[in-house]
Amino acid sequence: MQIFSRRLGLATLPIGSAFSTEECMLLAANGDILLAGDPGFQWVAHGFHAAAHALVAGPWDRTFYTIAPAEDGLRERLTQAES
């Protein structure tokens, strides 16, 4: 699971698997909830309550961020959530 932390540049903890896609659900050190899988990362929400609501109600951004290039936008989103 350390691969996700290295790719994000942020400590993460696996908290489960999501749906039938077998993506890993991660809790980042800043409180963000992400899904991680073969295509990349998806930012769900900041905080458990918001993430649970987003996953059930469906209003979360389903963009896949690869993290390979640092300019893909996810790191900026994570940084904004930390402030």
Protein backbone atom coordinates (compact mmCIF):
# COMPACT_ATOMS: atom_id res chain seq x y z
CA MET A 1 0.00 0.00 0.00
CA GLN A 2 2.99 2.33 0.28
CA ILE A 3 2.91 2.72 -3.49
CA PHE A 4 -0.13 4.98 -3.16
CA SER A 5 1.59 7.17 -0.58
CA ARG A 6 4.69 7.48 -2.74
CA ARG A 7 2.68 8.35 -5.84
CA LEU A 8 0.62 10.96 -4.00
CA GLY A 9 3.45 12.36 -1.93
CA LEU A 10 1.12 12.16 1.06
CA ALA A 11 0.71 9.47 3.72
CA THR A 12 -2.34 7.27 3.11
CA LEU A 13 -4.07 4.46 4.94
CA PRO A 14 -6.20 1.83 3.17
CA ILE A 15 -9.66 1.78 4.72
CA GLY A 16 -11.41 -0.68 2.41
CA SER A 17 -12.18 -1.66 -1.13
CA ALA A 18 -14.80 0.02 -3.23
CA PHE A 19 -17.53 -1.66 -5.20
CA SER A 20 -16.95 -4.47 -7.66
CA THR A 21 -14.05 -2.63 -9.32
CA GLU A 22 -11.75 -3.65 -6.47
CA GLU A 23 -10.39 -0.14 -6.13
CA CYS A 24 -8.77 0.67 -2.82
CA MET A 25 -10.37 3.32 -0.65
CA LEU A 26 -7.73 5.49 1.01
CA LEU A 27 -7.70 7.95 3.86
CA ALA A 28 -5.02 10.58 3.23
CA ALA A 29 -3.11 12.26 6.05
CA ASN A 30 -5.00 15.50 5.40
CA GLY A 31 -8.42 13.82 5.86
CA ASP A 32 -9.27 13.38 2.17
CA ILE A 33 -10.90 10.17 0.98
CA LEU A 34 -9.67 8.82 -2.37
CA LEU A 35 -10.22 5.79 -4.54
CA ALA A 36 -7.09 4.26 -6.05
CA GLY A 37 -6.85 1.65 -8.75
CA ASP A 38 -5.17 0.75 -12.01
CA PRO A 39 -6.35 3.87 -13.89
CA GLY A 40 -5.19 6.23 -11.14
CA PHE A 41 -6.74 8.14 -8.25
CA GLN A 42 -10.18 9.67 -7.77
CA TRP A 43 -10.71 12.33 -5.13
CA VAL A 44 -14.03 11.68 -3.36
CA ALA A 45 -14.31 14.26 -0.56
CA HIS A 46 -12.66 15.74 2.50
CA GLY A 47 -13.70 13.89 5.64
CA PHE A 48 -15.55 10.66 6.27
CA HIS A 49 -19.07 12.10 6.51
CA ALA A 50 -18.72 14.05 3.26
CA ALA A 51 -17.20 11.03 1.49
CA ALA A 52 -19.97 8.69 2.63
CA HIS A 53 -22.57 11.18 1.45
CA ALA A 54 -20.79 11.71 -1.88
CA LEU A 55 -20.48 7.98 -2.58
CA VAL A 56 -24.15 7.33 -1.79
CA ALA A 57 -25.64 10.43 -3.40
CA GLY A 58 -23.20 10.51 -6.31
CA PRO A 59 -22.02 14.14 -6.43
CA TRP A 60 -18.28 13.38 -6.48
CA ASP A 61 -15.79 14.13 -9.22
CA ARG A 62 -15.07 10.90 -11.11
CA THR A 63 -12.01 12.24 -12.88
CA PHE A 64 -9.04 9.86 -12.80
CA TYR A 65 -5.77 11.53 -11.87
CA THR A 66 -2.69 9.57 -12.86
CA ILE A 67 -0.17 11.40 -10.65
CA ALA A 68 2.53 10.45 -13.17
CA PRO A 69 2.93 14.08 -14.24
CA ALA A 70 2.84 16.39 -11.22
CA GLU A 71 0.64 18.82 -13.17
CA ASP A 72 -2.45 16.60 -13.36
CA GLY A 73 -4.39 18.61 -10.78
CA LEU A 74 -4.86 16.16 -7.92
CA ARG A 75 -1.96 17.41 -5.81
CA GLU A 76 -3.34 20.93 -6.04
CA ARG A 77 -6.75 19.67 -4.93
CA LEU A 78 -5.20 17.85 -1.97
CA THR A 79 -3.19 20.91 -1.02
CA GLN A 80 -6.32 23.08 -1.11
CA ALA A 81 -8.13 20.69 1.21
CA GLU A 82 -5.28 20.88 3.72
CA SER A 83 -5.61 24.67 4.12
